[in-house]
PDB file of N, CA and C in Angstrom:
ATOM      1  N   UNK A   1       7.837  28.123 -20.684  1.00  0.00           N
ATOM      2  CA  UNK A   1       8.448  27.478 -19.573  1.00  0.00           C
ATOM      3  C   UNK A   1       8.534  25.983 -19.722  1.00  0.00           C
ATOM      4  N   UNK A   2       9.233  25.427 -18.807  1.00  0.00           N
ATOM      5  CA  UNK A   2       9.409  23.978 -18.744  1.00  0.00           C
ATOM      6  C   UNK A   2       8.930  23.493 -17.381  1.00  0.00           C
ATOM      7  N   UNK A   3       7.665  23.044 -17.272  1.00  0.00           N
ATOM      8  CA  UNK A   3       7.074  22.712 -15.979  1.00  0.00           C
ATOM      9  C   UNK A   3       7.772  21.562 -15.253  1.00  0.00           C
ATOM     10  N   UNK A   4       8.462  20.690 -15.971  1.00  0.00           N
ATOM     11  CA  UNK A   4       9.105  19.546 -15.309  1.00  0.00           C
ATOM     12  C   UNK A   4      10.271  19.961 -14.422  1.00  0.00           C
ATOM     13  N   UNK A   5      10.813  21.130 -14.611  1.00  0.00           N
ATOM     14  CA  UNK A   5      11.944  21.587 -13.796  1.00  0.00           C
ATOM     15  C   UNK A   5      11.530  21.738 -12.340  1.00  0.00           C
ATOM     16  N   UNK A   6      10.307  22.124 -12.090  1.00  0.00           N
ATOM     17  CA  UNK A   6       9.825  22.369 -10.744  1.00  0.00           C
ATOM     18  C   UNK A   6       9.681  21.088  -9.924  1.00  0.00           C
ATOM     19  N   UNK A   7       9.662  19.949 -10.528  1.00  0.00           N
ATOM     20  CA  UNK A   7       9.465  18.686  -9.832  1.00  0.00           C
ATOM     21  C   UNK A   7      10.537  18.438  -8.773  1.00  0.00           C
ATOM     22  N   UNK A   8      11.753  18.835  -9.029  1.00  0.00           N
ATOM     23  CA  UNK A   8      12.842  18.591  -8.094  1.00  0.00           C
ATOM     24  C   UNK A   8      12.541  19.143  -6.712  1.00  0.00           C
ATOM     25  N   UNK A   9      11.933  20.315  -6.639  1.00  0.00           N
ATOM     26  CA  UNK A   9      11.658  20.898  -5.328  1.00  0.00           C
ATOM     27  C   UNK A   9      10.692  20.045  -4.521  1.00  0.00           C
ATOM     28  N   UNK A  10       9.740  19.385  -5.169  1.00  0.00           N
ATOM     29  CA  UNK A  10       8.778  18.556  -4.439  1.00  0.00           C
ATOM     30  C   UNK A  10       9.450  17.285  -3.934  1.00  0.00           C
ATOM     31  N   UNK A  11      10.286  16.667  -4.759  1.00  0.00           N
ATOM     32  CA  UNK A  11      11.016  15.483  -4.297  1.00  0.00           C
ATOM     33  C   UNK A  11      11.981  15.843  -3.170  1.00  0.00           C
ATOM     34  N   UNK A  12      12.651  16.972  -3.291  1.00  0.00           N
ATOM     35  CA  UNK A  12      13.583  17.429  -2.261  1.00  0.00           C
ATOM     36  C   UNK A  12      12.841  17.675  -0.956  1.00  0.00           C
ATOM     37  N   UNK A  13      11.677  18.261  -1.020  1.00  0.00           N
ATOM     38  CA  UNK A  13      10.872  18.515   0.165  1.00  0.00           C
ATOM     39  C   UNK A  13      10.490  17.219   0.871  1.00  0.00           C
ATOM     40  N   UNK A  14      10.345  16.156   0.105  1.00  0.00           N
ATOM     41  CA  UNK A  14      10.030  14.842   0.681  1.00  0.00           C
ATOM     42  C   UNK A  14      11.286  14.099   1.150  1.00  0.00           C
ATOM     43  N   UNK A  15      12.445  14.720   0.971  1.00  0.00           N
ATOM     44  CA  UNK A  15      13.682  14.135   1.461  1.00  0.00           C
ATOM     45  C   UNK A  15      14.472  13.340   0.441  1.00  0.00           C
ATOM     46  N   UNK A  16      13.991  13.282  -0.788  1.00  0.00           N
ATOM     47  CA  UNK A  16      14.682  12.515  -1.823  1.00  0.00           C
ATOM     48  C   UNK A  16      15.824  13.323  -2.420  1.00  0.00           C
ATOM     49  N   UNK A  17      16.883  12.619  -2.780  1.00  0.00           N
ATOM     50  CA  UNK A  17      17.968  13.198  -3.567  1.00  0.00           C
ATOM     51  C   UNK A  17      18.461  12.110  -4.516  1.00  0.00           C
ATOM     52  N   UNK A  18      19.436  12.411  -5.308  1.00  0.00           N
ATOM     53  CA  UNK A  18      19.892  11.456  -6.319  1.00  0.00           C
ATOM     54  C   UNK A  18      20.413  10.162  -5.685  1.00  0.00           C
ATOM     55  N   UNK A  19      21.026  10.276  -4.527  1.00  0.00           N
ATOM     56  CA  UNK A  19      21.558   9.089  -3.849  1.00  0.00           C
ATOM     57  C   UNK A  19      20.438   8.170  -3.359  1.00  0.00           C
ATOM     58  N   UNK A  20      19.414   8.735  -2.743  1.00  0.00           N
ATOM     59  CA  UNK A  20      18.304   7.907  -2.254  1.00  0.00           C
ATOM     60  C   UNK A  20      17.454   7.396  -3.426  1.00  0.00           C
ATOM     61  N   UNK A  21      17.289   8.203  -4.453  1.00  0.00           N
ATOM     62  CA  UNK A  21      16.480   7.802  -5.607  1.00  0.00           C
ATOM     63  C   UNK A  21      17.101   6.616  -6.329  1.00  0.00           C
ATOM     64  N   UNK A  22      18.427   6.576  -6.404  1.00  0.00           N
ATOM     65  CA  UNK A  22      19.104   5.487  -7.117  1.00  0.00           C
ATOM     66  C   UNK A  22      19.440   4.314  -6.207  1.00  0.00           C
ATOM     67  N   UNK A  23      19.048   4.393  -4.936  1.00  0.00           N
ATOM     68  CA  UNK A  23      19.265   3.276  -4.021  1.00  0.00           C
ATOM     69  C   UNK A  23      20.646   3.229  -3.403  1.00  0.00           C
ATOM     70  N   UNK A  24      21.441   4.277  -3.556  1.00  0.00           N
ATOM     71  CA  UNK A  24      22.787   4.298  -2.985  1.00  0.00           C
ATOM     72  C   UNK A  24      22.766   4.660  -1.511  1.00  0.00           C
ATOM     73  N   UNK A  25      21.632   5.167  -1.042  1.00  0.00           N
ATOM     74  CA  UNK A  25      21.416   5.347   0.387  1.00  0.00           C
ATOM     75  C   UNK A  25      19.933   5.091   0.650  1.00  0.00           C
ATOM     76  N   UNK A  26      19.581   4.991   1.916  1.00  0.00           N
ATOM     77  CA  UNK A  26      18.201   4.655   2.263  1.00  0.00           C
ATOM     78  C   UNK A  26      17.214   5.722   1.808  1.00  0.00           C
ATOM     79  N   UNK A  27      15.987   5.280   1.588  1.00  0.00           N
ATOM     80  CA  UNK A  27      14.908   6.208   1.241  1.00  0.00           C
ATOM     81  C   UNK A  27      14.678   7.147   2.421  1.00  0.00           C
ATOM     82  N   UNK A  28      14.192   8.342   2.155  1.00  0.00           N
ATOM     83  CA  UNK A  28      13.948   9.290   3.244  1.00  0.00           C
ATOM     84  C   UNK A  28      12.824   8.809   4.172  1.00  0.00           C
ATOM     85  N   UNK A  29      12.765   9.411   5.325  1.00  0.00           N
ATOM     86  CA  UNK A  29      11.762   9.054   6.330  1.00  0.00           C
ATOM     87  C   UNK A  29      10.339   9.166   5.785  1.00  0.00           C
ATOM     88  N   UNK A  30      10.105  10.137   4.918  1.00  0.00           N
ATOM     89  CA  UNK A  30       8.753  10.333   4.376  1.00  0.00           C
ATOM     90  C   UNK A  30       8.260   9.095   3.625  1.00  0.00           C
ATOM     91  N   UNK A  31       9.159   8.313   3.080  1.00  0.00           N
ATOM     92  CA  UNK A  31       8.778   7.139   2.302  1.00  0.00           C
ATOM     93  C   UNK A  31       8.069   6.088   3.145  1.00  0.00           C
ATOM     94  N   UNK A  32       8.350   6.048   4.433  1.00  0.00           N
ATOM     95  CA  UNK A  32       7.729   5.039   5.294  1.00  0.00           C
ATOM     96  C   UNK A  32       6.534   5.591   6.072  1.00  0.00           C
ATOM     97  N   UNK A  33       6.187   6.845   5.860  1.00  0.00           N
ATOM     98  CA  UNK A  33       5.044   7.443   6.551  1.00  0.00           C
ATOM     99  C   UNK A  33       3.756   7.196   5.780  1.00  0.00           C
ATOM    100  N   UNK A  34       2.649   7.153   6.523  1.00  0.00           N
ATOM    101  CA  UNK A  34       1.346   7.141   5.862  1.00  0.00           C
ATOM    102  C   UNK A  34       1.015   8.574   5.466  1.00  0.00           C
ATOM    103  N   UNK A  35      -0.010   8.733   4.652  1.00  0.00           N
ATOM    104  CA  UNK A  35      -0.418  10.056   4.180  1.00  0.00           C
ATOM    105  C   UNK A  35      -0.647  11.019   5.347  1.00  0.00           C
ATOM    106  N   UNK A  36      -1.350  10.539   6.377  1.00  0.00           N
ATOM    107  CA  UNK A  36      -1.677  11.423   7.498  1.00  0.00           C
ATOM    108  C   UNK A  36      -0.515  11.615   8.459  1.00  0.00           C
ATOM    109  N   UNK A  37       0.534  10.805   8.345  1.00  0.00           N
ATOM    110  CA  UNK A  37       1.737  11.014   9.147  1.00  0.00           C
ATOM    111  C   UNK A  37       2.694  12.013   8.497  1.00  0.00           C
ATOM    112  N   UNK A  38       2.489  12.291   7.219  1.00  0.00           N
ATOM    113  CA  UNK A  38       3.317  13.297   6.556  1.00  0.00           C
ATOM    114  C   UNK A  38       3.029  14.664   7.159  1.00  0.00           C
ATOM    115  N   UNK A  39       4.023  15.513   7.187  1.00  0.00           N
ATOM    116  CA  UNK A  39       3.777  16.891   7.605  1.00  0.00           C
ATOM    117  C   UNK A  39       2.928  17.569   6.540  1.00  0.00           C
ATOM    118  N   UNK A  40       2.364  18.714   6.862  1.00  0.00           N
ATOM    119  CA  UNK A  40       1.549  19.410   5.859  1.00  0.00           C
ATOM    120  C   UNK A  40       2.409  19.797   4.654  1.00  0.00           C
ATOM    121  N   UNK A  41       3.670  20.147   4.865  1.00  0.00           N
ATOM    122  CA  UNK A  41       4.570  20.473   3.757  1.00  0.00           C
ATOM    123  C   UNK A  41       4.830  19.237   2.891  1.00  0.00           C
ATOM    124  N   UNK A  42       5.045  18.085   3.542  1.00  0.00           N
ATOM    125  CA  UNK A  42       5.275  16.843   2.784  1.00  0.00           C
ATOM    126  C   UNK A  42       4.027  16.454   2.001  1.00  0.00           C
ATOM    127  N   UNK A  43       2.843  16.580   2.615  1.00  0.00           N
ATOM    128  CA  UNK A  43       1.598  16.257   1.898  1.00  0.00           C
ATOM    129  C   UNK A  43       1.403  17.181   0.703  1.00  0.00           C
ATOM    130  N   UNK A  44       1.700  18.453   0.880  1.00  0.00           N
ATOM    131  CA  UNK A  44       1.585  19.396  -0.228  1.00  0.00           C
ATOM    132  C   UNK A  44       2.526  18.991  -1.365  1.00  0.00           C
ATOM    133  N   UNK A  45       3.762  18.661  -1.024  1.00  0.00           N
ATOM    134  CA  UNK A  45       4.735  18.248  -2.042  1.00  0.00           C
ATOM    135  C   UNK A  45       4.294  16.970  -2.735  1.00  0.00           C
ATOM    136  N   UNK A  46       3.807  16.011  -1.961  1.00  0.00           N
ATOM    137  CA  UNK A  46       3.322  14.763  -2.545  1.00  0.00           C
ATOM    138  C   UNK A  46       2.153  15.029  -3.489  1.00  0.00           C
ATOM    139  N   UNK A  47       1.260  15.915  -3.083  1.00  0.00           N
ATOM    140  CA  UNK A  47       0.119  16.259  -3.942  1.00  0.00           C
ATOM    141  C   UNK A  47       0.586  16.922  -5.230  1.00  0.00           C
ATOM    142  N   UNK A  48       1.634  17.735  -5.156  1.00  0.00           N
ATOM    143  CA  UNK A  48       2.171  18.367  -6.364  1.00  0.00           C
ATOM    144  C   UNK A  48       2.748  17.323  -7.315  1.00  0.00           C
ATOM    145  N   UNK A  49       3.134  16.179  -6.770  1.00  0.00           N
ATOM    146  CA  UNK A  49       3.647  15.070  -7.585  1.00  0.00           C
ATOM    147  C   UNK A  49       2.533  14.103  -7.979  1.00  0.00           C
ATOM    148  N   UNK A  50       1.279  14.546  -7.792  1.00  0.00           N
ATOM    149  CA  UNK A  50       0.081  13.781  -8.177  1.00  0.00           C
ATOM    150  C   UNK A  50      -0.216  12.602  -7.261  1.00  0.00           C
ATOM    151  N   UNK A  51       0.323  12.609  -6.069  1.00  0.00           N
ATOM    152  CA  UNK A  51      -0.058  11.589  -5.093  1.00  0.00           C
ATOM    153  C   UNK A  51      -1.324  12.038  -4.391  1.00  0.00           C
ATOM    154  N   UNK A  52      -2.084  11.076  -3.950  1.00  0.00           N
ATOM    155  CA  UNK A  52      -3.240  11.303  -3.094  1.00  0.00           C
ATOM    156  C   UNK A  52      -3.093  10.339  -1.919  1.00  0.00           C
ATOM    157  N   UNK A  53      -4.022  10.389  -1.004  1.00  0.00           N
ATOM    158  CA  UNK A  53      -3.950   9.446   0.119  1.00  0.00           C
ATOM    159  C   UNK A  53      -3.922   8.010  -0.388  1.00  0.00           C
ATOM    160  N   UNK A  54      -4.737   7.713  -1.365  1.00  0.00           N
ATOM    161  CA  UNK A  54      -4.816   6.338  -1.866  1.00  0.00           C
ATOM    162  C   UNK A  54      -3.517   5.922  -2.545  1.00  0.00           C
ATOM    163  N   UNK A  55      -3.002   6.750  -3.436  1.00  0.00           N
ATOM    164  CA  UNK A  55      -1.777   6.341  -4.128  1.00  0.00           C
ATOM    165  C   UNK A  55      -0.578   6.346  -3.189  1.00  0.00           C
ATOM    166  N   UNK A  56      -0.575   7.222  -2.200  1.00  0.00           N
ATOM    167  CA  UNK A  56       0.540   7.249  -1.252  1.00  0.00           C
ATOM    168  C   UNK A  56       0.510   6.021  -0.337  1.00  0.00           C
ATOM    169  N   UNK A  57      -0.665   5.674   0.181  1.00  0.00           N
ATOM    170  CA  UNK A  57      -0.782   4.609   1.181  1.00  0.00           C
ATOM    171  C   UNK A  57      -0.991   3.224   0.608  1.00  0.00           C
ATOM    172  N   UNK A  58      -1.783   3.115  -0.428  1.00  0.00           N
ATOM    173  CA  UNK A  58      -2.337   1.811  -0.759  1.00  0.00           C
ATOM    174  C   UNK A  58      -1.959   1.255  -2.122  1.00  0.00           C
ATOM    175  N   UNK A  59      -1.382   2.047  -2.995  1.00  0.00           N
ATOM    176  CA  UNK A  59      -1.123   1.591  -4.353  1.00  0.00           C
ATOM    177  C   UNK A  59       0.375   1.584  -4.617  1.00  0.00           C
ATOM    178  N   UNK A  60       0.886   0.475  -5.116  1.00  0.00           N
ATOM    179  CA  UNK A  60       2.278   0.427  -5.541  1.00  0.00           C
ATOM    180  C   UNK A  60       2.358   1.188  -6.853  1.00  0.00           C
ATOM    181  N   UNK A  61       2.985   2.348  -6.821  1.00  0.00           N
ATOM    182  CA  UNK A  61       2.934   3.234  -7.978  1.00  0.00           C
ATOM    183  C   UNK A  61       3.977   2.927  -9.044  1.00  0.00           C
ATOM    184  N   UNK A  62       4.884   2.023  -8.792  1.00  0.00           N
ATOM    185  CA  UNK A  62       5.904   1.697  -9.794  1.00  0.00           C
ATOM    186  C   UNK A  62       5.616   0.363 -10.464  1.00  0.00           C
ATOM    187  N   UNK A  63       4.354   0.132 -10.802  1.00  0.00           N
ATOM    188  CA  UNK A  63       3.987  -1.128 -11.438  1.00  0.00           C
ATOM    189  C   UNK A  63       3.617  -0.965 -12.901  1.00  0.00           C
ATOM    190  N   UNK A  64       3.504   0.242 -13.364  1.00  0.00           N
ATOM    191  CA  UNK A  64       3.015   0.501 -14.713  1.00  0.00           C
ATOM    192  C   UNK A  64       4.188   0.766 -15.663  1.00  0.00           C
ATOM    193  N   UNK A  65       5.076  -0.217 -15.797  1.00  0.00           N
ATOM    194  CA  UNK A  65       6.199  -0.056 -16.705  1.00  0.00           C
ATOM    195  C   UNK A  65       7.137   1.067 -16.313  1.00  0.00           C
ATOM    196  N   UNK A  66       7.225   1.348 -15.007  1.00  0.00           N
ATOM    197  CA  UNK A  66       8.105   2.386 -14.541  1.00  0.00           C
ATOM    198  C   UNK A  66       7.464   3.757 -14.468  1.00  0.00           C
ATOM    199  N   UNK A  67       6.267   3.916 -15.038  1.00  0.00           N
ATOM    200  CA  UNK A  67       5.576   5.202 -14.922  1.00  0.00           C
ATOM    201  C   UNK A  67       5.226   5.396 -13.460  1.00  0.00           C
ATOM    202  N   UNK A  68       5.560   6.535 -12.886  1.00  0.00           N
ATOM    203  CA  UNK A  68       5.467   6.657 -11.437  1.00  0.00           C
ATOM    204  C   UNK A  68       4.079   6.556 -10.836  1.00  0.00           C
ATOM    205  N   UNK A  69       3.045   6.818 -11.566  1.00  0.00           N
ATOM    206  CA  UNK A  69       1.706   6.731 -11.009  1.00  0.00           C
ATOM    207  C   UNK A  69       0.792   6.097 -12.041  1.00  0.00           C
ATOM    208  N   UNK A  70      -0.102   5.231 -11.557  1.00  0.00           N
ATOM    209  CA  UNK A  70      -1.040   4.604 -12.470  1.00  0.00           C
ATOM    210  C   UNK A  70      -1.831   5.675 -13.202  1.00  0.00           C
ATOM    211  N   UNK A  71      -1.947   5.537 -14.491  1.00  0.00           N
ATOM    212  CA  UNK A  71      -2.612   6.534 -15.317  1.00  0.00           C
ATOM    213  C   UNK A  71      -4.125   6.316 -15.284  1.00  0.00           C
ATOM    214  N   UNK A  72      -4.875   7.236 -14.683  1.00  0.00           N
ATOM    215  CA  UNK A  72      -6.332   7.081 -14.697  1.00  0.00           C
ATOM    216  C   UNK A  72      -6.873   7.337 -16.095  1.00  0.00           C
ATOM    217  N   UNK A  73      -7.660   6.419 -16.594  1.00  0.00           N
ATOM    218  CA  UNK A  73      -8.174   6.524 -17.956  1.00  0.00           C
ATOM    219  C   UNK A  73      -8.985   7.793 -18.182  1.00  0.00           C
ATOM    220  N   UNK A  74      -9.784   8.194 -17.209  1.00  0.00           N
ATOM    221  CA  UNK A  74     -10.670   9.327 -17.422  1.00  0.00           C
ATOM    222  C   UNK A  74      -9.924  10.628 -17.663  1.00  0.00           C
ATOM    223  N   UNK A  75      -8.683  10.735 -17.248  1.00  0.00           N
ATOM    224  CA  UNK A  75      -7.927  11.970 -17.436  1.00  0.00           C
ATOM    225  C   UNK A  75      -7.240  12.024 -18.795  1.00  0.00           C
ATOM    226  N   UNK A  76      -7.284  10.944 -19.521  1.00  0.00           N
ATOM    227  CA  UNK A  76      -6.491  10.884 -20.728  1.00  0.00           C
ATOM    228  C   UNK A  76      -7.311  10.541 -21.972  1.00  0.00           C
ATOM    229  N   UNK A  77      -8.582  10.932 -21.983  1.00  0.00           N
ATOM    230  CA  UNK A  77      -9.373  10.774 -23.194  1.00  0.00           C
ATOM    231  C   UNK A  77      -8.910  11.807 -24.212  1.00  0.00           C
ATOM    232  N   UNK A  78      -8.782  11.386 -25.427  1.00  0.00           N
ATOM    233  CA  UNK A  78      -8.385  12.328 -26.457  1.00  0.00           C
ATOM    234  C   UNK A  78      -9.502  13.349 -26.632  1.00  0.00           C
ATOM    235  N   UNK A  79      -9.145  14.565 -26.985  1.00  0.00           N
ATOM    236  CA  UNK A  79     -10.124  15.652 -27.064  1.00  0.00           C
ATOM    237  C   UNK A  79     -11.260  15.362 -28.016  1.00  0.00           C
ATOM    238  N   UNK A  80     -11.036  14.619 -29.103  1.00  0.00           N
ATOM    239  CA  UNK A  80     -12.122  14.386 -30.051  1.00  0.00           C
ATOM    240  C   UNK A  80     -13.107  13.331 -29.533  1.00  0.00           C
ATOM    241  N   UNK A  81     -12.773  12.641 -28.439  1.00  0.00           N
ATOM    242  CA  UNK A  81     -13.694  11.685 -27.839  1.00  0.00           C
ATOM    243  C   UNK A  81     -14.597  12.338 -26.792  1.00  0.00           C
ATOM    244  N   UNK A  82     -14.338  13.584 -26.449  1.00  0.00           N
ATOM    245  CA  UNK A  82     -15.120  14.270 -25.427  1.00  0.00           C
ATOM    246  C   UNK A  82     -16.438  14.777 -25.986  1.00  0.00           C
ATOM    247  N   UNK A  83     -17.438  14.877 -25.111  1.00  0.00           N
ATOM    248  CA  UNK A  83     -18.730  15.447 -25.493  1.00  0.00           C
ATOM    249  C   UNK A  83     -18.551  16.932 -25.754  1.00  0.00           C
ATOM    250  N   UNK A  84     -19.481  17.486 -26.503  1.00  0.00           N
ATOM    251  CA  UNK A  84     -19.422  18.925 -26.805  1.00  0.00           C
ATOM    252  C   UNK A  84     -19.500  19.785 -25.560  1.00  0.00           C
ATOM    253  N   UNK A  85     -20.162  19.297 -24.513  1.00  0.00           N
ATOM    254  CA  UNK A  85     -20.328  20.078 -23.287  1.00  0.00           C
ATOM    255  C   UNK A  85     -19.036  20.197 -22.480  1.00  0.00           C
ATOM    256  N   UNK A  86     -18.071  19.347 -22.717  1.00  0.00           N
ATOM    257  CA  UNK A  86     -16.856  19.326 -21.898  1.00  0.00           C
ATOM    258  C   UNK A  86     -15.936  20.460 -22.241  1.00  0.00           C
TER     259      UNK A  86
END
């Protein structure tokens, strides 16, 4: 399979489409909501896109060279750097 194909449904659930994503129309209402103001469906979709309360509310996620979310170092250790117990 190709897991990236499923991403569209999460963005669509948050109200995004190609027009809003490219700035040709306003961002959806979900973009101006706080994490707890999102509906449960919107929060679920945001979580599927790797957002959390902190990244949704407090962190500008488009600051890392266009990568949509800041890359946490602990999630990206190469396998040979891990302890045997991991």
